[in-house]
Amino acid sequence: MTYTYASLTGVDAVILDYNGVIGVQPTLAQWQHLARLAGWPDTDLASLQHAFWKAREPYDAGQLSDLAYWAKVLGYHPGPRLLRELRTADTAMWTHIDPHVLDILYRARTAGLPMVLLSNAPAHLSNVLDATDWRRHLMDDALYSARLEVCKPDPAAYEHALAATGIADPGRVLFVDDRADNCRAARRLGLRTLHYTGSPSDLRTAFALTT
């Protein structure tokens, strides 16, 4: 007997976060490299990270250009060369993927599971992710905050993603994210959720895949 994915799981589609699920968190060496480019002492990474994240949501939402974002982080406007170096280093920090997660997603895709990517990401990173093989092979659609002009956990972000799945009933759609607040917002809209904490076996279980 041949089983469809939905008959095994009760889920007709999945909406996946990128960073913290498919993508892995930046390493200390990557933060240190960014700090050196920015002229920040390696011993004061916490201060850099505070400045980095303080302006990140409007940057991710497409409300700040690359120049405006880095001017807020640095406290001054970087020249064209430094701006390119900062953007390149920043993008590189978020483009390393977890091969174990990708393997599970490819297996789920082979089993017939439709997938939509929903990521808080600035414009340049969005373009880089769209050019990857896994994005083209796995995802029916990819929605990024910079293009939507709204970030999770704003309900509008989930509504766009749900529409992209083509599934009318949110209870038939699984949302996977590493942030608890994003999952809570999804549940309020009726989506099923998996708060992903770094264990690929949780994804395997959610997708009803055997080892």
Protein backbone atom coordinates (compact mmCIF):
# COMPACT_ATOMS: atom_id res chain seq x y z
CA MET A 1 0.00 0.00 0.00
CA THR A 2 1.25 3.51 -0.83
CA TYR A 3 0.69 6.18 1.82
CA THR A 4 0.58 9.89 1.13
CA TYR A 5 2.41 12.15 3.51
CA ALA A 6 -0.86 13.68 4.78
CA SER A 7 -2.37 10.27 5.54
CA LEU A 8 0.51 9.53 7.90
CA THR A 9 0.81 12.86 9.68
CA GLY A 10 -2.38 14.86 9.25
CA VAL A 11 -0.21 17.67 7.84
CA ASP A 12 -0.62 18.91 4.27
CA ALA A 13 2.32 21.38 4.19
CA VAL A 14 5.10 22.80 6.34
CA ILE A 15 6.36 26.36 6.82
CA LEU A 16 10.03 26.41 7.83
CA ASP A 17 12.16 29.05 9.44
CA TYR A 18 15.69 29.32 8.06
CA ASN A 19 18.22 30.40 10.70
CA GLY A 20 18.31 28.09 13.70
CA VAL A 21 16.55 25.31 11.79
CA ILE A 22 18.13 24.84 8.36
CA GLY A 23 20.92 27.35 8.96
CA VAL A 24 23.29 27.08 11.89
CA GLN A 25 24.24 29.94 14.21
CA PRO A 26 27.42 31.94 13.51
CA THR A 27 30.65 30.78 15.10
CA LEU A 28 32.75 32.82 17.51
CA ALA A 29 35.38 33.17 14.76
CA GLN A 30 32.80 34.71 12.43
CA TRP A 31 31.72 37.25 15.05
CA GLN A 32 35.38 38.07 15.70
CA HIS A 33 35.99 38.58 11.97
CA LEU A 34 33.03 40.94 11.79
CA ALA A 35 34.33 42.80 14.84
CA ARG A 36 37.74 43.29 13.24
CA LEU A 37 36.16 44.67 10.08
CA ALA A 38 34.05 47.04 12.17
CA GLY A 39 37.08 48.16 14.20
CA TRP A 40 35.58 46.62 17.34
CA PRO A 41 37.80 45.08 20.04
CA ASP A 42 37.55 41.28 20.11
CA THR A 43 37.22 41.61 23.86
CA ASP A 44 33.97 43.56 23.50
CA LEU A 45 31.91 41.28 21.27
CA ALA A 46 28.87 41.70 23.49
CA SER A 47 28.81 45.40 22.68
CA LEU A 48 29.06 44.70 18.95
CA GLN A 49 26.30 42.13 19.12
CA HIS A 50 24.07 44.56 21.00
CA ALA A 51 24.55 47.20 18.29
CA PHE A 52 24.14 44.54 15.57
CA TRP A 53 20.78 43.31 16.89
CA LYS A 54 19.38 46.67 18.02
CA ALA A 55 18.80 47.80 14.43
CA ARG A 56 18.30 44.36 12.91
CA GLU A 57 14.51 44.16 12.81
CA PRO A 58 14.01 47.26 10.63
CA TYR A 59 16.90 46.06 8.44
CA ASP A 60 15.34 42.62 8.09
CA ALA A 61 12.00 44.27 7.32
CA GLY A 62 13.50 46.22 4.42
CA GLN A 63 13.12 49.55 6.19
CA LEU A 64 16.87 50.25 6.24
CA SER A 65 19.36 50.07 3.39
CA ASP A 66 22.69 48.31 3.88
CA LEU A 67 24.33 51.70 4.40
CA ALA A 68 21.72 52.93 6.88
CA TYR A 69 21.90 49.69 8.88
CA TRP A 70 25.67 49.63 9.19
CA ALA A 71 25.74 53.34 10.00
CA LYS A 72 23.50 52.56 12.98
CA VAL A 73 25.72 49.66 14.05
CA LEU A 74 29.02 51.54 13.68
CA GLY A 75 27.89 55.02 14.65
CA TYR A 76 29.21 56.44 11.36
CA HIS A 77 28.71 55.90 7.62
CA PRO A 78 31.19 53.34 6.25
CA GLY A 79 32.80 53.92 2.86
CA PRO A 80 31.84 51.73 -0.13
CA ARG A 81 34.65 49.21 0.35
CA LEU A 82 34.03 48.70 4.07
CA LEU A 83 30.30 48.49 3.45
CA ARG A 84 30.82 45.68 0.93
CA GLU A 85 33.14 43.84 3.33
CA LEU A 86 30.68 44.15 6.22
CA ARG A 87 27.77 42.95 4.11
CA THR A 88 29.79 40.02 2.78
CA ALA A 89 30.90 38.99 6.28
CA ASP A 90 27.38 39.39 7.64
CA THR A 91 25.88 37.27 4.87
CA ALA A 92 28.53 34.57 5.32
CA MET A 93 27.57 34.29 8.98
CA TRP A 94 24.10 33.05 8.04
CA THR A 95 24.74 30.73 5.10
CA HIS A 96 26.10 27.61 6.81
CA ILE A 97 23.48 24.86 6.84
CA ASP A 98 22.90 21.77 8.98
CA PRO A 99 23.37 18.76 6.65
CA HIS A 100 21.35 16.50 8.97
CA VAL A 101 18.34 18.81 8.73
CA LEU A 102 18.69 19.03 4.96
CA ASP A 103 18.75 15.26 4.70
CA ILE A 104 15.47 15.05 6.63
CA LEU A 105 13.89 17.76 4.48
CA TYR A 106 14.92 16.03 1.26
CA ARG A 107 13.40 12.79 2.51
CA ALA A 108 10.17 14.55 3.50
CA ARG A 109 10.08 16.26 0.12
CA THR A 110 10.50 12.92 -1.64
CA ALA A 111 7.58 11.65 0.43
CA GLY A 112 5.46 14.45 -1.03
CA LEU A 113 5.53 17.17 1.61
CA PRO A 114 5.07 20.73 0.23
CA MET A 115 7.38 23.27 1.90
CA VAL A 116 7.50 27.04 2.20
CA LEU A 117 10.42 28.97 3.69
CA LEU A 118 9.57 31.92 5.97
CA SER A 119 12.64 33.81 7.15
CA ASN A 120 13.46 37.11 8.79
CA ALA A 121 16.28 38.11 6.44
CA PRO A 122 17.59 41.29 4.81
CA ALA A 123 17.51 41.71 1.04
CA HIS A 124 21.05 40.58 0.18
CA LEU A 125 20.86 37.43 2.29
CA SER A 126 17.46 36.67 0.75
CA ASN A 127 18.99 36.77 -2.72
CA VAL A 128 21.87 34.51 -1.66
CA LEU A 129 19.53 31.94 -0.12
CA ASP A 130 17.30 31.94 -3.19
CA ALA A 131 20.32 30.98 -5.33
CA THR A 132 21.14 27.83 -3.31
CA ASP A 133 20.41 24.36 -4.63
CA TRP A 134 18.48 23.32 -1.53
CA ARG A 135 16.19 26.34 -1.78
CA ARG A 136 15.38 25.57 -5.42
CA HIS A 137 14.95 21.84 -4.88
CA LEU A 138 13.07 21.80 -1.57
CA MET A 139 10.89 24.88 -1.34
CA ASP A 140 7.71 25.56 -3.26
CA ASP A 141 8.13 29.20 -2.26
CA ALA A 142 10.40 31.33 -0.09
CA LEU A 143 9.18 34.41 1.75
CA TYR A 144 11.61 36.85 3.34
CA SER A 145 10.87 39.71 5.69
CA ALA A 146 12.75 42.22 3.53
CA ARG A 147 10.38 41.50 0.65
CA LEU A 148 7.25 41.19 2.78
CA GLU A 149 8.25 44.34 4.72
CA VAL A 150 7.20 42.61 7.91
CA CYS A 151 9.02 40.30 10.35
CA LYS A 152 7.85 37.34 12.39
CA PRO A 153 6.11 37.28 14.80
CA ASP A 154 3.80 39.76 13.06
CA PRO A 155 0.67 37.80 12.06
CA ALA A 156 0.90 39.14 8.50
CA ALA A 157 4.09 37.16 7.91
CA TYR A 158 2.34 33.88 8.72
CA GLU A 159 -0.70 34.82 6.67
CA HIS A 160 1.51 35.34 3.61
CA ALA A 161 3.21 31.99 4.20
CA LEU A 162 -0.06 30.15 4.74
CA ALA A 163 -1.38 31.59 1.48
CA ALA A 164 1.79 30.39 -0.26
CA THR A 165 1.12 26.80 0.87
CA GLY A 166 -2.29 26.84 -0.80
CA ILE A 167 -3.79 25.14 2.27
CA ALA A 168 -6.97 26.80 3.56
CA ASP A 169 -6.99 25.11 6.98
CA PRO A 170 -4.06 26.33 9.16
CA GLY A 171 -4.53 23.26 11.35
CA ARG A 172 -3.22 21.19 8.45
CA VAL A 173 0.03 23.17 8.25
CA LEU A 174 3.07 22.69 10.49
CA PHE A 175 5.24 25.70 11.35
CA VAL A 176 8.84 25.04 12.47
CA ASP A 177 10.94 27.74 14.14
CA ASP A 178 13.71 27.93 16.72
CA ARG A 179 12.11 30.89 18.53
CA ALA A 180 9.35 30.24 21.03
CA ASP A 181 7.73 33.65 20.45
CA ASN A 182 7.43 32.93 16.74
CA CYS A 183 5.80 29.59 17.49
CA ARG A 184 3.35 31.17 19.93
CA ALA A 185 2.30 33.69 17.28
CA ALA A 186 1.78 30.87 14.77
CA ARG A 187 -0.35 28.89 17.21
CA ARG A 188 -2.59 31.90 17.75
CA LEU A 189 -3.39 31.73 14.04
CA GLY A 190 -4.26 28.05 14.29
CA LEU A 191 -1.06 26.59 12.82
CA ARG A 192 0.51 23.48 14.25
CA THR A 193 3.97 24.27 15.58
CA LEU A 194 7.29 22.66 16.36
CA HIS A 195 9.64 24.71 18.53
CA TYR A 196 12.91 23.45 17.12
CA THR A 197 15.72 23.30 19.68
CA GLY A 198 18.47 21.77 17.57
CA SER A 199 17.58 18.08 17.55
CA PRO A 200 17.07 16.69 14.03
CA SER A 201 15.25 13.70 15.57
CA ASP A 202 12.42 16.08 16.52
CA LEU A 203 12.01 16.95 12.84
CA ARG A 204 12.17 13.30 11.88
CA THR A 205 9.38 12.54 14.35
CA ALA A 206 7.26 15.48 13.22
CA PHE A 207 7.58 14.36 9.61
CA ALA A 208 6.87 10.73 10.46
CA LEU A 209 10.15 9.56 8.95
CA THR A 210 11.88 6.38 10.05
CA THR A 211 15.64 6.27 10.51
